[in-house]
Amino acid sequence: QQYQGVNLGAKHSHNLGAIKFHAGGILWKKGGGSKLVEIPKADIVRIDNVRIPRGVMLSVRHKAGNATQFLGFNSKDVEPLKDFIMENFALEVYDRTVCVNGRNWGEAEIDGAMLSFLVSNKPAFEVSLGDVSNVQLVGKDQVQVSFHVDDTTREKDSLVELSLYVPPTNSTYPG
């Protein structure tokens, strides 16, 4: 028994490909290429259904603390997929909302190998720390995060750097 979908993106890219959920785990193959993302069932600890502006994203959390996001699902895909995951992986798929109001201030939180930026206690975005190549303090109040460049993507634009302002009045990350 399996659940298949096509034209879905993996990780934080918009690379199109095909996804297959099977009793042993999840397999995603990049369209027109040989890039494969394979997540064994034993490595999956949580799956979130995240409604995003252009559809649905599934966020698969690994034992190591990192996550892989799959974009491109339709709302109608969610219920059959939830049933399949419960039956074959013995995991409940949690519905999670994200903040899309455009605010650019909030709280940073590190959970396992994921950095989440929270606005009104909802994630605005998440970054796998495995994708981070460098972090440095710029001045007293700014942290610059650089990311590995994925040379397999065909995208014109990629996130390569992120700057975060840390107010001197914060108590979580004292300077």
N, C-alpha and C. Protein backbone atom coordinates (compact mmCIF):
# COMPACT_ATOMS: atom_id res chain seq x y z
N GLN A 1 0.85 -1.18 0.00
CA GLN A 1 0.00 0.00 0.00
C GLN A 1 0.89 1.24 0.00
N GLN A 2 0.54 2.22 -0.79
CA GLN A 2 1.35 3.43 -0.88
C GLN A 2 0.48 4.62 -1.27
N TYR A 3 1.01 5.80 -1.04
CA TYR A 3 0.37 7.04 -1.45
C TYR A 3 1.37 7.79 -2.29
N GLN A 4 0.98 8.21 -3.49
CA GLN A 4 1.91 8.89 -4.37
C GLN A 4 1.38 10.25 -4.77
N GLY A 5 2.30 11.17 -5.01
CA GLY A 5 1.97 12.49 -5.51
C GLY A 5 3.03 12.92 -6.50
N VAL A 6 2.70 13.85 -7.36
CA VAL A 6 3.69 14.34 -8.33
C VAL A 6 3.77 15.85 -8.25
N ASN A 7 4.84 16.39 -8.81
CA ASN A 7 5.07 17.83 -8.88
C ASN A 7 5.11 18.48 -7.50
N LEU A 8 5.83 17.85 -6.60
CA LEU A 8 5.99 18.38 -5.26
C LEU A 8 7.43 18.80 -5.06
N GLY A 9 7.65 19.85 -4.28
CA GLY A 9 9.00 20.29 -3.97
C GLY A 9 9.46 19.71 -2.65
N ALA A 10 10.76 19.52 -2.49
CA ALA A 10 11.31 19.01 -1.23
C ALA A 10 12.25 20.04 -0.64
N LYS A 11 12.45 19.93 0.67
CA LYS A 11 13.26 20.85 1.45
C LYS A 11 12.71 22.25 1.26
N HIS A 12 13.56 23.26 1.10
CA HIS A 12 13.07 24.62 0.97
C HIS A 12 13.15 25.10 -0.46
N SER A 13 13.26 24.18 -1.39
CA SER A 13 13.35 24.58 -2.79
C SER A 13 12.00 24.40 -3.46
N HIS A 14 11.93 24.85 -4.67
CA HIS A 14 10.73 24.62 -5.47
C HIS A 14 11.06 23.66 -6.59
N ASN A 15 12.03 22.76 -6.34
CA ASN A 15 12.36 21.74 -7.33
C ASN A 15 11.20 20.77 -7.41
N LEU A 16 10.69 20.58 -8.61
CA LEU A 16 9.57 19.68 -8.77
C LEU A 16 10.05 18.25 -8.80
N GLY A 17 9.20 17.38 -8.33
CA GLY A 17 9.54 15.97 -8.30
C GLY A 17 8.32 15.15 -7.95
N ALA A 18 8.56 13.90 -7.63
CA ALA A 18 7.48 12.98 -7.28
C ALA A 18 7.75 12.43 -5.89
N ILE A 19 6.69 12.28 -5.11
CA ILE A 19 6.83 11.76 -3.74
C ILE A 19 6.05 10.46 -3.63
N LYS A 20 6.59 9.57 -2.82
CA LYS A 20 5.93 8.29 -2.58
C LYS A 20 5.99 8.00 -1.09
N PHE A 21 4.84 7.83 -0.48
CA PHE A 21 4.73 7.39 0.90
C PHE A 21 4.46 5.89 0.84
N HIS A 22 5.32 5.10 1.47
CA HIS A 22 5.13 3.65 1.47
C HIS A 22 5.34 3.14 2.90
N ALA A 23 5.06 1.88 3.13
CA ALA A 23 5.12 1.33 4.49
C ALA A 23 6.49 1.49 5.13
N GLY A 24 7.56 1.61 4.33
CA GLY A 24 8.91 1.73 4.87
C GLY A 24 9.38 3.16 5.05
N GLY A 25 8.60 4.14 4.60
CA GLY A 25 9.01 5.53 4.76
C GLY A 25 8.55 6.43 3.63
N ILE A 26 9.36 7.44 3.33
CA ILE A 26 9.02 8.45 2.33
C ILE A 26 10.16 8.54 1.33
N LEU A 27 9.83 8.63 0.06
CA LEU A 27 10.82 8.75 -1.00
C LEU A 27 10.40 9.88 -1.93
N TRP A 28 11.31 10.83 -2.17
CA TRP A 28 11.05 11.94 -3.09
C TRP A 28 12.16 11.95 -4.12
N LYS A 29 11.79 12.05 -5.39
CA LYS A 29 12.78 12.10 -6.46
C LYS A 29 12.57 13.37 -7.26
N LYS A 30 13.67 14.10 -7.45
CA LYS A 30 13.63 15.33 -8.22
C LYS A 30 13.25 15.02 -9.66
N GLY A 31 12.32 15.80 -10.21
CA GLY A 31 11.90 15.63 -11.59
C GLY A 31 13.04 15.93 -12.55
N GLY A 32 13.29 15.04 -13.50
CA GLY A 32 14.32 15.25 -14.50
C GLY A 32 15.73 15.12 -13.96
N GLY A 33 15.88 14.60 -12.77
CA GLY A 33 17.21 14.48 -12.19
C GLY A 33 17.33 13.23 -11.36
N SER A 34 18.49 13.06 -10.79
CA SER A 34 18.74 11.86 -10.01
C SER A 34 18.72 12.12 -8.51
N LYS A 35 18.48 13.37 -8.10
CA LYS A 35 18.49 13.69 -6.67
C LYS A 35 17.34 12.96 -5.97
N LEU A 36 17.69 12.27 -4.88
CA LEU A 36 16.73 11.48 -4.13
C LEU A 36 16.74 11.92 -2.67
N VAL A 37 15.57 12.04 -2.07
CA VAL A 37 15.46 12.26 -0.63
C VAL A 37 14.69 11.06 -0.11
N GLU A 38 15.35 10.30 0.76
CA GLU A 38 14.72 9.11 1.33
C GLU A 38 14.71 9.23 2.84
N ILE A 39 13.53 9.06 3.43
CA ILE A 39 13.38 9.15 4.88
C ILE A 39 12.79 7.83 5.36
N PRO A 40 13.60 7.00 6.01
CA PRO A 40 13.07 5.74 6.53
C PRO A 40 12.05 5.98 7.63
N LYS A 41 11.06 5.10 7.71
CA LYS A 41 10.00 5.20 8.71
C LYS A 41 10.58 5.31 10.13
N ALA A 42 11.65 4.56 10.41
CA ALA A 42 12.26 4.56 11.74
C ALA A 42 12.88 5.90 12.10
N ASP A 43 13.14 6.75 11.11
CA ASP A 43 13.77 8.07 11.36
C ASP A 43 12.74 9.18 11.56
N ILE A 44 11.46 8.90 11.36
CA ILE A 44 10.41 9.92 11.44
C ILE A 44 9.82 9.94 12.84
N VAL A 45 9.86 11.12 13.48
CA VAL A 45 9.29 11.24 14.83
C VAL A 45 8.02 12.08 14.86
N ARG A 46 7.80 12.91 13.84
CA ARG A 46 6.61 13.76 13.83
C ARG A 46 6.37 14.26 12.41
N ILE A 47 5.09 14.41 12.06
CA ILE A 47 4.73 14.99 10.77
C ILE A 47 3.67 16.05 11.02
N ASP A 48 3.93 17.25 10.48
CA ASP A 48 2.99 18.36 10.62
C ASP A 48 2.39 18.71 9.27
N ASN A 49 1.11 19.00 9.27
CA ASN A 49 0.39 19.51 8.12
C ASN A 49 0.32 21.02 8.30
N VAL A 50 1.00 21.75 7.42
CA VAL A 50 1.10 23.20 7.57
C VAL A 50 0.41 23.88 6.40
N ARG A 51 -0.61 24.65 6.70
CA ARG A 51 -1.29 25.41 5.64
C ARG A 51 -0.47 26.65 5.34
N ILE A 52 -0.10 26.79 4.09
CA ILE A 52 0.70 27.92 3.64
C ILE A 52 -0.09 28.65 2.57
N PRO A 53 0.30 29.86 2.20
CA PRO A 53 -0.51 30.65 1.28
C PRO A 53 -0.88 29.96 -0.04
N ARG A 54 -0.04 29.11 -0.58
CA ARG A 54 -0.38 28.49 -1.87
C ARG A 54 -0.67 27.00 -1.76
N GLY A 55 -1.17 26.55 -0.63
CA GLY A 55 -1.49 25.13 -0.50
C GLY A 55 -1.12 24.58 0.86
N VAL A 56 -0.55 23.39 0.83
CA VAL A 56 -0.22 22.68 2.06
C VAL A 56 1.22 22.19 1.97
N MET A 57 1.91 22.25 3.09
CA MET A 57 3.26 21.73 3.20
C MET A 57 3.26 20.67 4.30
N LEU A 58 3.95 19.57 4.07
CA LEU A 58 4.16 18.59 5.11
C LEU A 58 5.58 18.76 5.64
N SER A 59 5.70 18.90 6.94
CA SER A 59 7.00 19.02 7.58
C SER A 59 7.26 17.72 8.33
N VAL A 60 8.32 17.03 7.92
CA VAL A 60 8.66 15.73 8.49
C VAL A 60 9.86 15.92 9.41
N ARG A 61 9.66 15.73 10.72
CA ARG A 61 10.73 15.90 11.70
C ARG A 61 11.46 14.56 11.87
N HIS A 62 12.80 14.63 11.81
CA HIS A 62 13.66 13.45 11.93
C HIS A 62 14.11 13.25 13.37
N LYS A 63 14.59 12.05 13.69
CA LYS A 63 15.12 11.76 15.02
C LYS A 63 16.27 12.70 15.38
N ALA A 64 17.07 13.07 14.40
CA ALA A 64 18.22 13.95 14.65
C ALA A 64 17.79 15.38 14.98
N GLY A 65 16.50 15.71 14.85
CA GLY A 65 16.01 17.04 15.19
C GLY A 65 15.79 17.94 13.99
N ASN A 66 16.33 17.58 12.83
CA ASN A 66 16.11 18.39 11.64
C ASN A 66 14.77 18.02 11.00
N ALA A 67 14.39 18.74 9.97
CA ALA A 67 13.12 18.48 9.31
C ALA A 67 13.28 18.63 7.80
N THR A 68 12.44 17.93 7.08
CA THR A 68 12.35 18.07 5.63
C THR A 68 10.93 18.51 5.32
N GLN A 69 10.81 19.56 4.51
CA GLN A 69 9.50 20.06 4.14
C GLN A 69 9.19 19.68 2.70
N PHE A 70 7.96 19.24 2.49
CA PHE A 70 7.48 18.91 1.16
C PHE A 70 6.34 19.86 0.82
N LEU A 71 6.52 20.64 -0.24
CA LEU A 71 5.55 21.65 -0.67
C LEU A 71 4.72 21.11 -1.82
N GLY A 72 3.57 21.71 -2.03
CA GLY A 72 2.80 21.43 -3.24
C GLY A 72 1.59 20.55 -3.04
N PHE A 73 1.24 20.20 -1.82
CA PHE A 73 0.05 19.40 -1.60
C PHE A 73 -1.18 20.29 -1.71
N ASN A 74 -2.29 19.70 -2.10
CA ASN A 74 -3.58 20.37 -2.09
C ASN A 74 -4.31 19.99 -0.81
N SER A 75 -5.26 20.80 -0.40
CA SER A 75 -6.05 20.51 0.80
C SER A 75 -6.73 19.15 0.71
N LYS A 76 -7.16 18.77 -0.48
CA LYS A 76 -7.85 17.48 -0.64
C LYS A 76 -6.92 16.29 -0.43
N ASP A 77 -5.60 16.49 -0.51
CA ASP A 77 -4.63 15.42 -0.29
C ASP A 77 -4.46 15.07 1.18
N VAL A 78 -4.80 16.00 2.07
CA VAL A 78 -4.41 15.88 3.47
C VAL A 78 -5.11 14.72 4.19
N GLU A 79 -6.41 14.61 4.11
CA GLU A 79 -7.12 13.57 4.87
C GLU A 79 -6.70 12.16 4.47
N PRO A 80 -6.66 11.83 3.15
CA PRO A 80 -6.21 10.47 2.80
C PRO A 80 -4.76 10.22 3.25
N LEU A 81 -3.94 11.25 3.18
CA LEU A 81 -2.55 11.11 3.59
C LEU A 81 -2.44 10.91 5.10
N LYS A 82 -3.24 11.65 5.87
CA LYS A 82 -3.26 11.47 7.33
C LYS A 82 -3.64 10.03 7.68
N ASP A 83 -4.66 9.51 7.00
CA ASP A 83 -5.09 8.13 7.25
C ASP A 83 -3.98 7.14 6.92
N PHE A 84 -3.32 7.35 5.78
CA PHE A 84 -2.24 6.47 5.38
C PHE A 84 -1.10 6.49 6.39
N ILE A 85 -0.71 7.67 6.85
CA ILE A 85 0.39 7.81 7.80
C ILE A 85 0.04 7.17 9.14
N MET A 86 -1.18 7.35 9.59
CA MET A 86 -1.61 6.75 10.86
C MET A 86 -1.57 5.22 10.74
N GLU A 87 -2.07 4.71 9.64
CA GLU A 87 -2.14 3.26 9.44
C GLU A 87 -0.76 2.63 9.26
N ASN A 88 0.13 3.28 8.52
CA ASN A 88 1.42 2.68 8.18
C ASN A 88 2.59 3.12 9.04
N PHE A 89 2.53 4.34 9.61
CA PHE A 89 3.64 4.84 10.42
C PHE A 89 3.27 4.92 11.89
N ALA A 90 1.99 4.72 12.23
CA ALA A 90 1.49 4.85 13.60
C ALA A 90 1.80 6.23 14.18
N LEU A 91 1.68 7.26 13.32
CA LEU A 91 1.89 8.64 13.73
C LEU A 91 0.67 9.48 13.38
N GLU A 92 0.32 10.37 14.30
CA GLU A 92 -0.74 11.33 14.01
C GLU A 92 -0.11 12.52 13.28
N VAL A 93 -0.79 13.00 12.27
CA VAL A 93 -0.33 14.20 11.55
C VAL A 93 -0.98 15.40 12.23
N TYR A 94 -0.14 16.31 12.74
CA TYR A 94 -0.64 17.47 13.47
C TYR A 94 -0.86 18.63 12.52
N ASP A 95 -1.99 19.32 12.71
CA ASP A 95 -2.27 20.53 11.95
C ASP A 95 -1.56 21.69 12.64
N ARG A 96 -0.80 22.44 11.87
CA ARG A 96 -0.05 23.57 12.43
C ARG A 96 -0.28 24.78 11.55
N THR A 97 -0.44 25.92 12.19
CA THR A 97 -0.61 27.16 11.42
C THR A 97 0.68 27.97 11.51
N VAL A 98 0.92 28.74 10.49
CA VAL A 98 2.09 29.61 10.46
C VAL A 98 1.62 31.05 10.41
N CYS A 99 2.47 31.93 10.83
CA CYS A 99 2.16 33.36 10.81
C CYS A 99 2.55 33.92 9.45
N VAL A 100 1.59 34.49 8.77
CA VAL A 100 1.85 35.07 7.45
C VAL A 100 1.40 36.53 7.38
N ASN A 101 1.40 37.20 8.54
CA ASN A 101 0.91 38.57 8.57
C ASN A 101 1.95 39.61 8.15
N GLY A 102 3.18 39.17 7.87
CA GLY A 102 4.19 40.09 7.38
C GLY A 102 5.03 40.77 8.43
N ARG A 103 4.73 40.53 9.70
CA ARG A 103 5.55 41.14 10.75
C ARG A 103 6.96 40.60 10.69
N ASN A 104 7.92 41.43 10.99
CA ASN A 104 9.30 40.99 10.93
C ASN A 104 9.99 41.10 12.30
N TRP A 105 9.24 41.00 13.37
CA TRP A 105 9.83 40.95 14.70
C TRP A 105 9.16 39.82 15.46
N GLY A 106 9.91 39.20 16.32
CA GLY A 106 9.39 38.07 17.07
C GLY A 106 10.48 37.44 17.91
N GLU A 107 10.35 36.17 18.15
CA GLU A 107 11.28 35.43 19.00
C GLU A 107 11.95 34.32 18.20
N ALA A 108 13.22 34.10 18.43
CA ALA A 108 13.94 32.98 17.84
C ALA A 108 13.94 31.84 18.85
N GLU A 109 13.73 30.63 18.35
CA GLU A 109 13.70 29.46 19.22
C GLU A 109 14.45 28.33 18.53
N ILE A 110 15.30 27.65 19.26
CA ILE A 110 16.02 26.50 18.72
C ILE A 110 15.43 25.26 19.35
N ASP A 111 14.97 24.33 18.50
CA ASP A 111 14.38 23.07 18.93
C ASP A 111 15.08 21.96 18.16
N GLY A 112 15.95 21.23 18.85
CA GLY A 112 16.72 20.19 18.17
C GLY A 112 17.65 20.84 17.16
N ALA A 113 17.51 20.46 15.90
CA ALA A 113 18.36 21.01 14.84
C ALA A 113 17.60 22.02 13.99
N MET A 114 16.55 22.62 14.56
CA MET A 114 15.73 23.58 13.82
C MET A 114 15.74 24.93 14.53
N LEU A 115 15.89 25.99 13.74
CA LEU A 115 15.75 27.36 14.23
C LEU A 115 14.40 27.85 13.73
N SER A 116 13.54 28.23 14.67
CA SER A 116 12.22 28.76 14.32
C SER A 116 12.17 30.23 14.69
N PHE A 117 11.55 31.01 13.82
CA PHE A 117 11.30 32.41 14.10
C PHE A 117 9.81 32.54 14.36
N LEU A 118 9.45 32.87 15.60
CA LEU A 118 8.05 32.89 16.03
C LEU A 118 7.52 34.31 16.08
N VAL A 119 6.33 34.50 15.53
CA VAL A 119 5.60 35.76 15.61
C VAL A 119 4.25 35.41 16.22
N SER A 120 3.91 36.03 17.33
CA SER A 120 2.67 35.73 18.06
C SER A 120 2.56 34.23 18.38
N ASN A 121 3.66 33.64 18.78
CA ASN A 121 3.76 32.22 19.13
C ASN A 121 3.46 31.26 18.00
N LYS A 122 3.50 31.73 16.76
CA LYS A 122 3.34 30.89 15.58
C LYS A 122 4.61 31.02 14.75
N PRO A 123 5.07 29.92 14.15
CA PRO A 123 6.28 30.03 13.33
C PRO A 123 6.03 30.86 12.07
N ALA A 124 6.92 31.82 11.82
CA ALA A 124 6.89 32.57 10.57
C ALA A 124 7.75 31.85 9.54
N PHE A 125 8.87 31.28 10.02
CA PHE A 125 9.70 30.43 9.17
C PHE A 125 10.58 29.56 10.05
N GLU A 126 11.06 28.47 9.46
CA GLU A 126 11.97 27.56 10.14
C GLU A 126 13.16 27.31 9.25
N VAL A 127 14.30 27.10 9.87
CA VAL A 127 15.54 26.82 9.14
C VAL A 127 16.19 25.61 9.80
N SER A 128 16.55 24.64 9.00
CA SER A 128 17.31 23.51 9.51
C SER A 128 18.74 23.96 9.76
N LEU A 129 19.25 23.73 10.95
CA LEU A 129 20.59 24.15 11.28
C LEU A 129 21.63 23.42 10.44
N GLY A 130 21.26 22.28 9.86
CA GLY A 130 22.15 21.57 8.94
C GLY A 130 22.39 22.34 7.66
N ASP A 131 21.49 23.27 7.33
CA ASP A 131 21.64 24.09 6.13
C ASP A 131 22.49 25.33 6.38
N VAL A 132 22.86 25.56 7.65
CA VAL A 132 23.65 26.74 8.02
C VAL A 132 25.13 26.44 7.83
N SER A 133 25.82 27.32 7.13
CA SER A 133 27.27 27.14 6.94
C SER A 133 28.09 28.01 7.88
N ASN A 134 27.53 29.13 8.33
CA ASN A 134 28.29 30.04 9.18
C ASN A 134 27.34 30.96 9.94
N VAL A 135 27.72 31.29 11.16
CA VAL A 135 27.00 32.27 11.97
C VAL A 135 28.03 33.19 12.57
N GLN A 136 27.77 34.49 12.47
CA GLN A 136 28.71 35.42 13.08
C GLN A 136 27.97 36.62 13.65
N LEU A 137 28.58 37.19 14.67
CA LEU A 137 28.05 38.38 15.30
C LEU A 137 28.57 39.59 14.54
N VAL A 138 27.66 40.43 14.09
CA VAL A 138 28.02 41.64 13.36
C VAL A 138 27.66 42.81 14.26
N GLY A 139 28.64 43.48 14.77
CA GLY A 139 28.37 44.54 15.74
C GLY A 139 27.89 43.92 17.05
N LYS A 140 27.19 44.70 17.84
CA LYS A 140 26.71 44.20 19.13
C LYS A 140 25.34 43.55 19.05
N ASP A 141 24.52 43.96 18.07
CA ASP A 141 23.12 43.58 18.10
C ASP A 141 22.64 42.82 16.87
N GLN A 142 23.52 42.34 16.04
CA GLN A 142 23.08 41.68 14.81
C GLN A 142 23.81 40.35 14.63
N VAL A 143 23.05 39.33 14.27
CA VAL A 143 23.59 38.01 14.00
C VAL A 143 23.38 37.72 12.52
N GLN A 144 24.43 37.33 11.84
CA GLN A 144 24.35 37.02 10.41
C GLN A 144 24.47 35.50 10.25
N VAL A 145 23.47 34.90 9.59
CA VAL A 145 23.43 33.47 9.36
C VAL A 145 23.62 33.23 7.86
N SER A 146 24.64 32.45 7.50
CA SER A 146 24.90 32.12 6.09
C SER A 146 24.51 30.67 5.86
N PHE A 147 24.01 30.38 4.65
CA PHE A 147 23.53 29.04 4.31
C PHE A 147 24.38 28.40 3.23
N HIS A 148 24.41 27.07 3.25
CA HIS A 148 25.06 26.33 2.17
C HIS A 148 24.31 26.63 0.88
N VAL A 149 25.03 26.76 -0.20
CA VAL A 149 24.41 27.01 -1.50
C VAL A 149 24.19 25.67 -2.17
N ASP A 150 22.95 25.39 -2.52
CA ASP A 150 22.58 24.14 -3.19
C ASP A 150 22.76 24.33 -4.69
N ASP A 151 23.80 23.73 -5.24
CA ASP A 151 24.08 23.92 -6.66
C ASP A 151 23.23 23.04 -7.56
N THR A 152 22.32 22.25 -6.98
CA THR A 152 21.46 21.41 -7.81
C THR A 152 20.15 22.12 -8.17
N THR A 153 19.89 23.25 -7.56
CA THR A 153 18.64 23.95 -7.83
C THR A 153 18.73 24.74 -9.13
N ARG A 154 17.59 24.89 -9.76
CA ARG A 154 17.51 25.69 -10.98
C ARG A 154 16.89 27.05 -10.71
N GLU A 155 16.68 27.34 -9.46
CA GLU A 155 16.04 28.60 -9.08
C GLU A 155 16.98 29.77 -9.35
N LYS A 156 16.42 30.90 -9.75
CA LYS A 156 17.21 32.11 -9.92
C LYS A 156 17.59 32.69 -8.57
N ASP A 157 16.67 32.60 -7.62
CA ASP A 157 16.88 33.20 -6.31
C ASP A 157 16.94 32.11 -5.25
N SER A 158 17.90 32.23 -4.36
CA SER A 158 18.03 31.32 -3.24
C SER A 158 18.41 32.13 -2.00
N LEU A 159 17.95 31.67 -0.86
CA LEU A 159 18.32 32.31 0.39
C LEU A 159 19.74 31.89 0.73
N VAL A 160 20.65 32.84 0.79
CA VAL A 160 22.05 32.54 1.10
C VAL A 160 22.48 33.16 2.42
N GLU A 161 21.71 34.14 2.90
CA GLU A 161 22.11 34.84 4.11
C GLU A 161 20.88 35.43 4.80
N LEU A 162 20.93 35.48 6.11
CA LEU A 162 19.84 36.03 6.91
C LEU A 162 20.45 36.82 8.04
N SER A 163 19.97 38.03 8.25
CA SER A 163 20.45 38.85 9.36
C SER A 163 19.34 39.01 10.38
N LEU A 164 19.67 38.81 11.64
CA LEU A 164 18.71 38.95 12.73
C LEU A 164 19.21 40.02 13.69
N TYR A 165 18.34 40.93 14.03
CA TYR A 165 18.64 41.96 15.03
C TYR A 165 18.26 41.40 16.40
N VAL A 166 19.17 41.46 17.33
CA VAL A 166 18.91 41.01 18.70
C VAL A 166 18.99 42.23 19.60
N PRO A 167 17.83 42.72 20.07
CA PRO A 167 17.84 43.93 20.90
C PRO A 167 18.65 43.73 22.16
N PRO A 168 19.34 44.76 22.59
CA PRO A 168 20.16 44.65 23.80
C PRO A 168 19.32 44.37 25.05
N THR A 169 18.02 44.61 24.98
CA THR A 169 17.15 44.38 26.14
C THR A 169 16.66 42.95 26.25
N ASN A 170 17.01 42.07 25.27
CA ASN A 170 16.51 40.70 25.34
C ASN A 170 17.16 39.96 26.51
N SER A 171 16.44 39.01 27.07
CA SER A 171 16.97 38.23 28.20
C SER A 171 17.30 36.80 27.79
N THR A 172 16.84 36.37 26.62
CA THR A 172 17.08 35.01 26.18
C THR A 172 18.50 34.80 25.69
N TYR A 173 19.00 35.74 24.90
CA TYR A 173 20.35 35.64 24.33
C TYR A 173 21.18 36.85 24.76
N PRO A 174 21.63 36.85 26.01
CA PRO A 174 22.38 38.02 26.50
C PRO A 174 23.72 38.16 25.77
N GLY A 175 24.13 39.38 25.55
CA GLY A 175 25.36 39.68 24.85
C GLY A 175 26.49 39.64 25.76
